[in-house]
N, C-alpha and C. Protein backbone atom coordinates (compact mmCIF):
# COMPACT_ATOMS: atom_id res chain seq x y z
N UNK A 1 15.60 111.56 -21.69
CA UNK A 1 15.30 112.23 -22.97
C UNK A 1 16.07 113.54 -23.05
N UNK A 2 16.84 113.74 -24.14
CA UNK A 2 17.65 114.94 -24.29
C UNK A 2 16.96 115.92 -25.23
N UNK A 3 16.88 117.20 -24.80
CA UNK A 3 16.27 118.25 -25.59
C UNK A 3 17.26 119.39 -25.74
N UNK A 4 17.33 119.95 -26.94
CA UNK A 4 18.21 121.10 -27.19
C UNK A 4 17.47 122.37 -26.76
N UNK A 5 17.78 122.86 -25.56
CA UNK A 5 17.09 124.03 -25.02
C UNK A 5 17.75 125.32 -25.47
N UNK A 6 16.91 126.33 -25.66
CA UNK A 6 17.41 127.66 -26.03
C UNK A 6 16.55 128.70 -25.33
N UNK A 7 17.19 129.74 -24.80
CA UNK A 7 16.51 130.83 -24.11
C UNK A 7 16.66 132.10 -24.93
N UNK A 8 15.57 132.84 -25.12
CA UNK A 8 15.64 134.13 -25.79
C UNK A 8 14.88 135.16 -24.98
N UNK A 9 15.16 136.44 -25.22
CA UNK A 9 14.48 137.53 -24.52
C UNK A 9 14.15 138.64 -25.49
N UNK A 10 12.98 139.24 -25.30
CA UNK A 10 12.56 140.37 -26.13
C UNK A 10 11.49 141.16 -25.39
N UNK A 11 11.69 142.48 -25.30
CA UNK A 11 10.71 143.38 -24.68
C UNK A 11 10.31 142.95 -23.27
N UNK A 12 11.29 142.52 -22.50
CA UNK A 12 11.02 142.16 -21.11
C UNK A 12 10.40 140.79 -20.92
N UNK A 13 10.33 139.99 -21.98
CA UNK A 13 9.77 138.63 -21.91
C UNK A 13 10.89 137.64 -22.20
N UNK A 14 11.00 136.63 -21.38
CA UNK A 14 11.97 135.55 -21.59
C UNK A 14 11.23 134.33 -22.13
N UNK A 15 11.79 133.71 -23.17
CA UNK A 15 11.13 132.60 -23.85
C UNK A 15 11.98 131.33 -23.77
N UNK A 16 11.29 130.21 -23.73
CA UNK A 16 11.93 128.90 -23.77
C UNK A 16 11.63 128.24 -25.11
N UNK A 17 12.69 127.71 -25.76
CA UNK A 17 12.55 127.00 -27.02
C UNK A 17 13.19 125.62 -26.89
N UNK A 18 12.66 124.66 -27.64
CA UNK A 18 13.25 123.32 -27.67
C UNK A 18 14.01 123.14 -28.98
N UNK A 19 15.02 123.98 -29.20
CA UNK A 19 15.84 123.84 -30.39
C UNK A 19 15.15 124.22 -31.68
N UNK A 20 14.08 125.02 -31.62
CA UNK A 20 13.38 125.46 -32.82
C UNK A 20 12.79 126.83 -32.54
N UNK A 21 12.11 127.39 -33.54
CA UNK A 21 11.51 128.72 -33.33
C UNK A 21 10.25 128.67 -32.48
N UNK A 22 9.69 127.47 -32.29
CA UNK A 22 8.44 127.36 -31.53
C UNK A 22 8.68 127.73 -30.07
N UNK A 23 7.78 128.52 -29.52
CA UNK A 23 7.87 128.94 -28.12
C UNK A 23 7.25 127.87 -27.23
N UNK A 24 8.01 127.38 -26.26
CA UNK A 24 7.55 126.35 -25.35
C UNK A 24 7.18 126.90 -23.98
N UNK A 25 7.39 128.19 -23.77
CA UNK A 25 7.05 128.81 -22.50
C UNK A 25 7.57 130.23 -22.49
N UNK A 26 7.00 131.05 -21.59
CA UNK A 26 7.42 132.45 -21.52
C UNK A 26 7.22 132.98 -20.12
N UNK A 27 8.00 134.03 -19.79
CA UNK A 27 7.89 134.67 -18.48
C UNK A 27 8.15 136.16 -18.62
N UNK A 28 7.26 136.96 -18.06
CA UNK A 28 7.53 138.39 -17.96
C UNK A 28 8.53 138.58 -16.83
N UNK A 29 9.70 139.08 -17.16
CA UNK A 29 10.82 139.11 -16.21
C UNK A 29 10.45 139.89 -14.94
N UNK A 30 9.71 140.97 -15.07
CA UNK A 30 9.35 141.78 -13.90
C UNK A 30 8.07 141.31 -13.21
N UNK A 31 7.40 140.34 -13.78
CA UNK A 31 6.19 139.78 -13.16
C UNK A 31 6.17 138.28 -13.45
N UNK A 32 7.06 137.51 -12.81
CA UNK A 32 7.30 136.12 -13.20
C UNK A 32 6.13 135.16 -12.98
N UNK A 33 5.13 135.57 -12.18
CA UNK A 33 3.99 134.68 -11.94
C UNK A 33 2.79 135.01 -12.82
N UNK A 34 2.95 135.95 -13.72
CA UNK A 34 1.89 136.33 -14.65
C UNK A 34 1.88 135.38 -15.85
N UNK A 35 0.70 135.00 -16.29
CA UNK A 35 0.60 134.19 -17.50
C UNK A 35 0.73 135.10 -18.71
N UNK A 36 1.78 134.89 -19.49
CA UNK A 36 2.09 135.78 -20.61
C UNK A 36 1.37 135.37 -21.89
N UNK A 37 1.43 134.11 -22.22
CA UNK A 37 0.88 133.62 -23.49
C UNK A 37 -0.63 133.43 -23.39
N UNK A 38 -1.34 133.81 -24.44
CA UNK A 38 -2.80 133.73 -24.42
C UNK A 38 -3.30 132.32 -24.12
N UNK A 39 -2.65 131.33 -24.70
CA UNK A 39 -3.16 129.98 -24.53
C UNK A 39 -3.04 129.49 -23.09
N UNK A 40 -2.02 130.00 -22.36
CA UNK A 40 -1.89 129.57 -20.96
C UNK A 40 -3.03 130.14 -20.13
N UNK A 41 -3.48 131.34 -20.46
CA UNK A 41 -4.67 131.88 -19.80
C UNK A 41 -5.90 131.02 -20.11
N UNK A 42 -6.03 130.60 -21.36
CA UNK A 42 -7.17 129.76 -21.74
C UNK A 42 -7.11 128.39 -21.06
N UNK A 43 -5.91 127.90 -20.78
CA UNK A 43 -5.79 126.62 -20.09
C UNK A 43 -6.44 126.66 -18.70
N UNK A 44 -6.65 127.85 -18.15
CA UNK A 44 -7.24 128.00 -16.83
C UNK A 44 -8.77 128.03 -16.87
N UNK A 45 -9.37 127.72 -18.00
CA UNK A 45 -10.83 127.73 -18.11
C UNK A 45 -11.48 126.78 -17.12
N UNK A 46 -10.74 125.79 -16.64
CA UNK A 46 -11.27 124.84 -15.64
C UNK A 46 -11.70 125.56 -14.36
N UNK A 47 -11.19 126.76 -14.11
CA UNK A 47 -11.50 127.47 -12.87
C UNK A 47 -13.00 127.75 -12.72
N UNK A 48 -13.71 127.82 -13.84
CA UNK A 48 -15.14 128.04 -13.78
C UNK A 48 -15.96 126.77 -13.77
N UNK A 49 -15.29 125.62 -13.67
CA UNK A 49 -16.00 124.34 -13.82
C UNK A 49 -15.84 123.39 -12.65
N UNK A 50 -14.88 123.63 -11.76
CA UNK A 50 -14.64 122.71 -10.65
C UNK A 50 -14.76 123.47 -9.33
N UNK A 51 -14.95 122.72 -8.27
CA UNK A 51 -14.98 123.32 -6.94
C UNK A 51 -13.59 123.85 -6.58
N UNK A 52 -13.55 125.09 -6.14
CA UNK A 52 -12.27 125.72 -5.80
C UNK A 52 -12.12 125.85 -4.29
N UNK A 53 -10.91 125.69 -3.78
CA UNK A 53 -9.71 125.31 -4.53
C UNK A 53 -9.66 123.81 -4.76
N UNK A 54 -9.11 123.36 -5.88
CA UNK A 54 -8.94 121.91 -6.09
C UNK A 54 -7.90 121.36 -5.13
N UNK A 55 -8.13 120.16 -4.66
CA UNK A 55 -7.18 119.56 -3.72
C UNK A 55 -5.86 119.21 -4.40
N UNK A 56 -5.94 118.73 -5.64
CA UNK A 56 -4.72 118.26 -6.33
C UNK A 56 -4.80 118.63 -7.80
N UNK A 57 -3.83 119.38 -8.26
CA UNK A 57 -3.69 119.77 -9.66
C UNK A 57 -2.50 119.04 -10.26
N UNK A 58 -2.68 118.50 -11.45
CA UNK A 58 -1.59 117.82 -12.16
C UNK A 58 -1.37 118.52 -13.49
N UNK A 59 -0.12 118.85 -13.80
CA UNK A 59 0.22 119.37 -15.11
C UNK A 59 1.04 118.33 -15.85
N UNK A 60 0.64 118.03 -17.07
CA UNK A 60 1.40 117.12 -17.93
C UNK A 60 2.18 117.98 -18.91
N UNK A 61 3.51 118.05 -18.70
CA UNK A 61 4.36 118.95 -19.45
C UNK A 61 4.65 120.18 -18.61
N UNK A 62 5.92 120.45 -18.36
CA UNK A 62 6.29 121.57 -17.49
C UNK A 62 6.64 122.82 -18.27
N UNK A 63 7.41 122.69 -19.34
CA UNK A 63 7.84 123.86 -20.09
C UNK A 63 8.60 124.83 -19.20
N UNK A 64 8.28 126.11 -19.34
CA UNK A 64 8.92 127.13 -18.51
C UNK A 64 8.31 127.23 -17.12
N UNK A 65 7.29 126.44 -16.86
CA UNK A 65 6.70 126.41 -15.52
C UNK A 65 5.69 127.49 -15.25
N UNK A 66 5.21 128.20 -16.28
CA UNK A 66 4.29 129.31 -16.04
C UNK A 66 2.97 128.85 -15.44
N UNK A 67 2.42 127.75 -15.95
CA UNK A 67 1.16 127.24 -15.42
C UNK A 67 1.34 126.75 -13.99
N UNK A 68 2.45 126.05 -13.74
CA UNK A 68 2.72 125.58 -12.38
C UNK A 68 2.84 126.74 -11.41
N UNK A 69 3.56 127.80 -11.80
CA UNK A 69 3.72 128.96 -10.92
C UNK A 69 2.40 129.65 -10.66
N UNK A 70 1.57 129.77 -11.69
CA UNK A 70 0.24 130.37 -11.52
C UNK A 70 -0.57 129.60 -10.49
N UNK A 71 -0.58 128.29 -10.61
CA UNK A 71 -1.36 127.46 -9.69
C UNK A 71 -0.81 127.54 -8.27
N UNK A 72 0.51 127.53 -8.13
CA UNK A 72 1.11 127.60 -6.80
C UNK A 72 0.78 128.92 -6.12
N UNK A 73 0.77 130.00 -6.89
CA UNK A 73 0.48 131.31 -6.31
C UNK A 73 -0.99 131.49 -5.99
N UNK A 74 -1.86 131.07 -6.90
CA UNK A 74 -3.29 131.36 -6.77
C UNK A 74 -4.05 130.32 -5.97
N UNK A 75 -3.47 129.15 -5.77
CA UNK A 75 -4.12 128.09 -5.01
C UNK A 75 -3.17 127.54 -3.96
N UNK A 76 -2.88 128.35 -2.94
CA UNK A 76 -1.90 127.95 -1.92
C UNK A 76 -2.33 126.75 -1.09
N UNK A 77 -3.60 126.39 -1.13
CA UNK A 77 -4.07 125.23 -0.38
C UNK A 77 -4.11 123.97 -1.25
N UNK A 78 -3.77 124.09 -2.52
CA UNK A 78 -3.79 122.96 -3.43
C UNK A 78 -2.42 122.31 -3.52
N UNK A 79 -2.43 121.01 -3.73
CA UNK A 79 -1.19 120.28 -4.01
C UNK A 79 -1.00 120.24 -5.52
N UNK A 80 0.25 120.37 -5.98
CA UNK A 80 0.54 120.41 -7.41
C UNK A 80 1.60 119.38 -7.76
N UNK A 81 1.30 118.58 -8.78
CA UNK A 81 2.27 117.63 -9.32
C UNK A 81 2.52 117.96 -10.78
N UNK A 82 3.78 118.16 -11.15
CA UNK A 82 4.15 118.42 -12.53
C UNK A 82 4.84 117.19 -13.10
N UNK A 83 4.38 116.75 -14.25
CA UNK A 83 4.94 115.58 -14.93
C UNK A 83 5.76 116.07 -16.12
N UNK A 84 7.03 115.72 -16.16
CA UNK A 84 7.93 116.17 -17.23
C UNK A 84 8.92 115.05 -17.55
N UNK A 85 9.10 114.77 -18.83
CA UNK A 85 9.95 113.65 -19.23
C UNK A 85 11.43 114.04 -19.29
N UNK A 86 11.73 115.33 -19.47
CA UNK A 86 13.12 115.75 -19.69
C UNK A 86 13.67 116.49 -18.48
N UNK A 87 14.65 115.94 -17.79
CA UNK A 87 15.21 116.60 -16.60
C UNK A 87 15.75 117.99 -16.87
N UNK A 88 16.33 118.21 -18.06
CA UNK A 88 16.92 119.51 -18.34
C UNK A 88 15.86 120.61 -18.46
N UNK A 89 14.63 120.24 -18.79
CA UNK A 89 13.55 121.23 -18.81
C UNK A 89 13.27 121.71 -17.39
N UNK A 90 13.28 120.79 -16.46
CA UNK A 90 13.09 121.16 -15.05
C UNK A 90 14.20 122.08 -14.57
N UNK A 91 15.43 121.76 -14.93
CA UNK A 91 16.57 122.59 -14.54
C UNK A 91 16.40 124.00 -15.10
N UNK A 92 16.03 124.11 -16.38
CA UNK A 92 15.85 125.42 -17.01
C UNK A 92 14.72 126.21 -16.35
N UNK A 93 13.63 125.53 -16.01
CA UNK A 93 12.50 126.22 -15.38
C UNK A 93 12.89 126.81 -14.03
N UNK A 94 13.68 126.07 -13.26
CA UNK A 94 14.15 126.57 -11.97
C UNK A 94 15.18 127.70 -12.15
N UNK A 95 16.10 127.50 -13.08
CA UNK A 95 17.24 128.42 -13.21
C UNK A 95 16.88 129.73 -13.92
N UNK A 96 16.08 129.64 -14.98
CA UNK A 96 15.82 130.81 -15.81
C UNK A 96 14.40 131.38 -15.70
N UNK A 97 13.45 130.60 -15.13
CA UNK A 97 12.06 131.03 -15.12
C UNK A 97 11.45 131.08 -13.72
N UNK A 98 12.31 131.07 -12.71
CA UNK A 98 11.92 131.29 -11.32
C UNK A 98 10.87 130.31 -10.81
N UNK A 99 10.93 129.07 -11.29
CA UNK A 99 10.06 128.03 -10.75
C UNK A 99 10.52 127.71 -9.34
N UNK A 100 9.61 127.73 -8.35
CA UNK A 100 10.02 127.45 -6.97
C UNK A 100 10.55 126.03 -6.79
N UNK A 101 11.30 125.85 -5.74
CA UNK A 101 11.80 124.52 -5.39
C UNK A 101 10.64 123.62 -4.99
N UNK A 102 10.81 122.32 -5.18
CA UNK A 102 9.79 121.38 -4.77
C UNK A 102 9.75 121.29 -3.24
N UNK A 103 8.57 120.92 -2.72
CA UNK A 103 8.39 120.77 -1.28
C UNK A 103 7.22 119.83 -1.05
N UNK A 104 6.63 119.88 0.13
CA UNK A 104 5.53 118.97 0.45
C UNK A 104 4.29 119.24 -0.40
N UNK A 105 4.17 120.44 -0.94
CA UNK A 105 3.00 120.81 -1.74
C UNK A 105 3.25 120.75 -3.23
N UNK A 106 4.50 120.83 -3.64
CA UNK A 106 4.85 120.89 -5.05
C UNK A 106 5.85 119.78 -5.38
N UNK A 107 5.45 118.91 -6.28
CA UNK A 107 6.27 117.76 -6.67
C UNK A 107 6.47 117.74 -8.18
N UNK A 108 7.66 117.38 -8.61
CA UNK A 108 7.94 117.14 -10.03
C UNK A 108 8.33 115.68 -10.20
N UNK A 109 7.69 115.00 -11.14
CA UNK A 109 8.05 113.61 -11.44
C UNK A 109 8.63 113.54 -12.86
N UNK A 110 9.81 112.97 -12.99
CA UNK A 110 10.45 112.81 -14.29
C UNK A 110 10.00 111.48 -14.88
N UNK A 111 9.01 111.55 -15.74
CA UNK A 111 8.41 110.33 -16.29
C UNK A 111 7.59 110.73 -17.52
N UNK A 112 7.43 109.79 -18.42
CA UNK A 112 6.56 110.02 -19.57
C UNK A 112 5.12 110.16 -19.12
N UNK A 113 4.43 111.17 -19.61
CA UNK A 113 3.06 111.44 -19.16
C UNK A 113 2.13 110.26 -19.39
N UNK A 114 2.28 109.57 -20.51
CA UNK A 114 1.40 108.44 -20.80
C UNK A 114 1.57 107.34 -19.77
N UNK A 115 2.79 107.12 -19.34
CA UNK A 115 3.05 106.10 -18.32
C UNK A 115 2.45 106.52 -16.99
N UNK A 116 2.55 107.81 -16.66
CA UNK A 116 2.03 108.29 -15.38
C UNK A 116 0.51 108.12 -15.31
N UNK A 117 -0.20 108.55 -16.36
CA UNK A 117 -1.67 108.47 -16.30
C UNK A 117 -2.15 107.03 -16.41
N UNK A 118 -1.32 106.15 -16.97
CA UNK A 118 -1.72 104.75 -17.10
C UNK A 118 -1.64 104.01 -15.77
N UNK A 119 -0.80 104.48 -14.87
CA UNK A 119 -0.58 103.78 -13.60
C UNK A 119 -1.84 103.82 -12.73
N UNK A 120 -2.30 102.66 -12.29
CA UNK A 120 -3.53 102.60 -11.50
C UNK A 120 -3.42 103.38 -10.19
N UNK A 121 -2.20 103.54 -9.69
CA UNK A 121 -2.01 104.27 -8.44
C UNK A 121 -2.44 105.73 -8.56
N UNK A 122 -2.49 106.25 -9.78
CA UNK A 122 -2.85 107.65 -9.98
C UNK A 122 -4.31 107.84 -10.37
N UNK A 123 -5.02 106.75 -10.58
CA UNK A 123 -6.42 106.87 -10.95
C UNK A 123 -7.24 107.39 -9.77
N UNK A 124 -8.10 108.36 -10.05
CA UNK A 124 -8.89 108.98 -9.00
C UNK A 124 -8.09 109.83 -8.04
N UNK A 125 -6.96 110.38 -8.50
CA UNK A 125 -6.05 111.07 -7.59
C UNK A 125 -6.05 112.58 -7.71
N UNK A 126 -6.69 113.14 -8.76
CA UNK A 126 -6.60 114.59 -8.94
C UNK A 126 -7.94 115.19 -9.35
N UNK A 127 -8.02 116.49 -9.19
CA UNK A 127 -9.25 117.23 -9.51
C UNK A 127 -9.14 117.99 -10.82
N UNK A 128 -7.92 118.37 -11.17
CA UNK A 128 -7.66 119.13 -12.39
C UNK A 128 -6.41 118.57 -13.05
N UNK A 129 -6.46 118.41 -14.37
CA UNK A 129 -5.29 118.01 -15.13
C UNK A 129 -5.13 118.97 -16.30
N UNK A 130 -3.94 119.58 -16.41
CA UNK A 130 -3.64 120.55 -17.45
C UNK A 130 -2.60 119.93 -18.37
N UNK A 131 -2.95 119.75 -19.65
CA UNK A 131 -2.14 118.97 -20.57
C UNK A 131 -1.55 119.86 -21.65
N UNK A 132 -0.22 119.91 -21.70
CA UNK A 132 0.48 120.74 -22.69
C UNK A 132 1.75 119.99 -23.09
N UNK A 133 1.60 119.05 -24.01
CA UNK A 133 2.67 118.10 -24.35
C UNK A 133 3.14 118.29 -25.78
N UNK A 134 4.26 119.00 -25.93
CA UNK A 134 4.81 119.24 -27.26
C UNK A 134 6.31 119.01 -27.27
N UNK A 135 6.83 118.61 -28.43
CA UNK A 135 8.27 118.47 -28.60
C UNK A 135 8.79 119.60 -29.48
N UNK A 136 10.02 119.52 -29.90
CA UNK A 136 10.65 120.61 -30.65
C UNK A 136 9.95 120.89 -31.99
N UNK A 137 9.40 119.86 -32.62
CA UNK A 137 8.77 120.04 -33.92
C UNK A 137 7.38 120.67 -33.83
N UNK A 138 6.75 120.57 -32.67
CA UNK A 138 5.40 121.11 -32.47
C UNK A 138 4.44 120.64 -33.56
N UNK A 139 4.62 119.40 -34.00
CA UNK A 139 3.78 118.87 -35.07
C UNK A 139 2.39 118.51 -34.56
N UNK A 140 2.29 118.26 -33.29
CA UNK A 140 1.04 117.90 -32.64
C UNK A 140 1.34 117.42 -31.25
N UNK A 141 0.32 117.24 -30.41
CA UNK A 141 0.57 116.74 -29.05
C UNK A 141 1.35 115.42 -29.09
N UNK A 142 2.28 115.28 -28.18
CA UNK A 142 3.10 114.07 -28.13
C UNK A 142 2.23 112.84 -27.87
N UNK A 143 1.25 112.99 -27.01
CA UNK A 143 0.27 111.93 -26.75
C UNK A 143 -1.11 112.48 -27.08
N UNK A 144 -1.82 111.78 -27.98
CA UNK A 144 -3.08 112.35 -28.46
C UNK A 144 -4.00 111.25 -28.99
N UNK A 145 -4.22 110.24 -28.18
CA UNK A 145 -5.08 109.13 -28.60
C UNK A 145 -6.27 109.01 -27.66
N UNK A 146 -7.28 108.30 -28.10
CA UNK A 146 -8.43 108.05 -27.24
C UNK A 146 -8.00 107.31 -25.98
N UNK A 147 -7.12 106.34 -26.12
CA UNK A 147 -6.64 105.58 -24.97
C UNK A 147 -5.94 106.48 -23.96
N UNK A 148 -5.10 107.40 -24.47
CA UNK A 148 -4.39 108.32 -23.56
C UNK A 148 -5.38 109.19 -22.79
N UNK A 149 -6.35 109.76 -23.48
CA UNK A 149 -7.31 110.63 -22.80
C UNK A 149 -8.23 109.85 -21.86
N UNK A 150 -8.48 108.60 -22.17
CA UNK A 150 -9.24 107.77 -21.23
C UNK A 150 -8.46 107.55 -19.94
N UNK A 151 -7.15 107.36 -20.08
CA UNK A 151 -6.31 107.23 -18.89
C UNK A 151 -6.31 108.54 -18.08
N UNK A 152 -6.28 109.67 -18.78
CA UNK A 152 -6.37 110.96 -18.09
C UNK A 152 -7.68 111.07 -17.33
N UNK A 153 -8.76 110.64 -17.97
CA UNK A 153 -10.07 110.68 -17.32
C UNK A 153 -10.08 109.83 -16.07
N UNK A 154 -9.45 108.67 -16.12
CA UNK A 154 -9.42 107.78 -14.96
C UNK A 154 -8.69 108.42 -13.77
N UNK A 155 -7.79 109.35 -14.06
CA UNK A 155 -7.04 110.01 -12.98
C UNK A 155 -7.86 111.05 -12.24
N UNK A 156 -8.98 111.47 -12.83
CA UNK A 156 -9.79 112.52 -12.23
C UNK A 156 -10.77 111.98 -11.21
N UNK A 157 -11.00 112.77 -10.19
CA UNK A 157 -12.07 112.49 -9.23
C UNK A 157 -13.39 113.00 -9.81
N UNK A 158 -14.54 112.54 -9.30
CA UNK A 158 -15.83 113.07 -9.77
C UNK A 158 -15.87 114.59 -9.66
N UNK A 159 -16.35 115.23 -10.72
CA UNK A 159 -16.39 116.69 -10.75
C UNK A 159 -15.13 117.33 -11.28
N UNK A 160 -14.13 116.50 -11.65
CA UNK A 160 -12.86 117.01 -12.13
C UNK A 160 -12.90 117.40 -13.60
N UNK A 161 -11.81 118.03 -14.06
CA UNK A 161 -11.75 118.51 -15.44
C UNK A 161 -10.31 118.46 -15.96
N UNK A 162 -10.21 118.36 -17.28
CA UNK A 162 -8.91 118.51 -17.94
C UNK A 162 -9.01 119.65 -18.94
N UNK A 163 -7.87 120.30 -19.18
CA UNK A 163 -7.74 121.20 -20.32
C UNK A 163 -6.54 120.72 -21.14
N UNK A 164 -6.66 120.84 -22.46
CA UNK A 164 -5.64 120.34 -23.37
C UNK A 164 -5.27 121.43 -24.36
N UNK A 165 -3.97 121.70 -24.48
CA UNK A 165 -3.48 122.63 -25.49
C UNK A 165 -3.28 121.87 -26.80
N UNK A 166 -4.00 122.29 -27.83
CA UNK A 166 -3.90 121.65 -29.14
C UNK A 166 -3.40 122.68 -30.14
N UNK A 167 -2.28 122.40 -30.72
CA UNK A 167 -1.71 123.28 -31.74
C UNK A 167 -0.69 122.47 -32.50
N UNK A 168 -0.58 122.66 -33.79
CA UNK A 168 0.44 121.94 -34.53
C UNK A 168 0.59 122.44 -35.94
N UNK A 169 1.80 122.30 -36.46
CA UNK A 169 2.08 122.73 -37.81
C UNK A 169 1.38 121.84 -38.84
N UNK A 170 1.12 120.59 -38.46
CA UNK A 170 0.51 119.70 -39.44
C UNK A 170 -0.57 118.80 -38.89
N UNK A 171 -0.76 118.82 -37.56
CA UNK A 171 -1.73 117.93 -36.94
C UNK A 171 -3.08 118.61 -36.85
N UNK A 172 -4.16 117.92 -37.20
CA UNK A 172 -5.48 118.52 -37.25
C UNK A 172 -6.14 118.63 -35.89
N UNK A 173 -6.68 119.80 -35.59
CA UNK A 173 -7.41 120.01 -34.36
C UNK A 173 -8.62 119.08 -34.27
N UNK A 174 -9.28 118.87 -35.39
CA UNK A 174 -10.50 118.06 -35.37
C UNK A 174 -10.23 116.65 -34.86
N UNK A 175 -9.09 116.08 -35.23
CA UNK A 175 -8.75 114.73 -34.76
C UNK A 175 -8.54 114.72 -33.25
N UNK A 176 -7.81 115.73 -32.75
CA UNK A 176 -7.57 115.80 -31.31
C UNK A 176 -8.87 115.95 -30.55
N UNK A 177 -9.73 116.83 -31.03
CA UNK A 177 -11.00 117.04 -30.35
C UNK A 177 -11.84 115.77 -30.36
N UNK A 178 -11.84 115.06 -31.48
CA UNK A 178 -12.61 113.81 -31.57
C UNK A 178 -12.11 112.79 -30.57
N UNK A 179 -10.80 112.73 -30.35
CA UNK A 179 -10.25 111.78 -29.38
C UNK A 179 -10.70 112.12 -27.96
N UNK A 180 -10.62 113.40 -27.59
CA UNK A 180 -11.06 113.82 -26.26
C UNK A 180 -12.56 113.60 -26.10
N UNK A 181 -13.33 113.96 -27.13
CA UNK A 181 -14.79 113.83 -27.10
C UNK A 181 -15.19 112.38 -26.85
N UNK A 182 -14.53 111.46 -27.55
CA UNK A 182 -14.85 110.04 -27.38
C UNK A 182 -14.44 109.55 -25.99
N UNK A 183 -13.25 109.94 -25.56
CA UNK A 183 -12.75 109.47 -24.27
C UNK A 183 -13.61 109.94 -23.11
N UNK A 184 -14.19 111.14 -23.23
CA UNK A 184 -15.00 111.71 -22.16
C UNK A 184 -16.50 111.60 -22.44
N UNK A 185 -16.86 110.68 -23.34
CA UNK A 185 -18.28 110.39 -23.63
C UNK A 185 -19.07 111.64 -23.98
N UNK A 186 -18.44 112.51 -24.74
CA UNK A 186 -19.13 113.70 -25.22
C UNK A 186 -19.06 114.91 -24.31
N UNK A 187 -18.51 114.77 -23.13
CA UNK A 187 -18.45 115.90 -22.18
C UNK A 187 -17.20 116.75 -22.44
N UNK A 188 -17.12 117.29 -23.66
CA UNK A 188 -15.95 118.07 -24.07
C UNK A 188 -16.40 119.24 -24.93
N UNK A 189 -15.67 120.33 -24.85
CA UNK A 189 -15.93 121.50 -25.66
C UNK A 189 -14.62 122.19 -25.98
N UNK A 190 -14.64 123.05 -26.98
CA UNK A 190 -13.42 123.73 -27.40
C UNK A 190 -13.59 125.24 -27.33
N UNK A 191 -12.55 125.92 -26.88
CA UNK A 191 -12.53 127.37 -26.89
C UNK A 191 -12.18 127.87 -28.28
N UNK A 192 -12.45 129.13 -28.52
CA UNK A 192 -12.03 129.74 -29.79
C UNK A 192 -10.51 129.75 -29.85
N UNK A 193 -9.94 129.66 -31.04
CA UNK A 193 -8.48 129.65 -31.15
C UNK A 193 -7.85 130.97 -30.75
N UNK A 194 -6.67 130.90 -30.18
CA UNK A 194 -5.88 132.09 -29.87
C UNK A 194 -5.28 132.64 -31.16
N UNK A 195 -4.79 133.87 -31.09
CA UNK A 195 -4.18 134.49 -32.26
C UNK A 195 -3.00 133.67 -32.77
N UNK A 196 -2.27 133.03 -31.86
CA UNK A 196 -1.09 132.25 -32.25
C UNK A 196 -1.44 130.89 -32.84
N UNK A 197 -2.70 130.49 -32.77
CA UNK A 197 -3.12 129.23 -33.36
C UNK A 197 -3.44 128.14 -32.36
N UNK A 198 -3.11 128.35 -31.09
CA UNK A 198 -3.46 127.38 -30.06
C UNK A 198 -4.97 127.36 -29.84
N UNK A 199 -5.46 126.18 -29.50
CA UNK A 199 -6.88 126.04 -29.17
C UNK A 199 -7.00 125.08 -28.00
N UNK A 200 -7.77 125.46 -27.01
CA UNK A 200 -7.88 124.69 -25.78
C UNK A 200 -9.15 123.88 -25.77
N UNK A 201 -9.01 122.61 -25.38
CA UNK A 201 -10.15 121.71 -25.19
C UNK A 201 -10.38 121.55 -23.69
N UNK A 202 -11.63 121.64 -23.29
CA UNK A 202 -12.04 121.41 -21.92
C UNK A 202 -12.92 120.17 -21.88
N UNK A 203 -12.63 119.26 -20.94
CA UNK A 203 -13.45 118.06 -20.77
C UNK A 203 -13.66 117.81 -19.28
N UNK A 204 -14.84 117.29 -18.94
CA UNK A 204 -15.20 117.12 -17.52
C UNK A 204 -15.78 115.75 -17.23
N UNK A 205 -15.68 115.35 -15.99
CA UNK A 205 -16.31 114.10 -15.55
C UNK A 205 -17.37 114.42 -14.51
């Protein structure tokens, strides 16, 4: 999958764009492991809901790698798998956003997120799943169906949780929340929206 990547900088913050004005990730240049965007901080709401440290964290969508870097720094005993469909996004995250190299604890898989969560080999394999799947248009999550979220649920171990970034120029939050709510049999809630319009859904098993 080819994406038109663009990097911008302003006031000590470096931003990642997918060929549009929408921000796909950000990094404070002098504090590269700090979560800059409000919604990325909200994505960490799972920290109050699962046993810490989680053994295995999975991120669906890499972007600039800010969430991955946060988890690697704050949970050194956790294993992290990042799922990203576009190889050039991974290259940009390493080159421009100080994403660490992969190793025994940190893995990146180049694959469509829906295919990854559908694979039975990944069912029951993680404790936390952080979902942030957007393309250049930011019209809505790339994958946002009841079936997709059910597959995400199957990947969680008992006591696990997912967080989902929901934001879009034309896609309704209510539809996304209804899909997660149904997939998780009602065990879902939503945070208040961020100033930028993002809203995070938390669901647990």
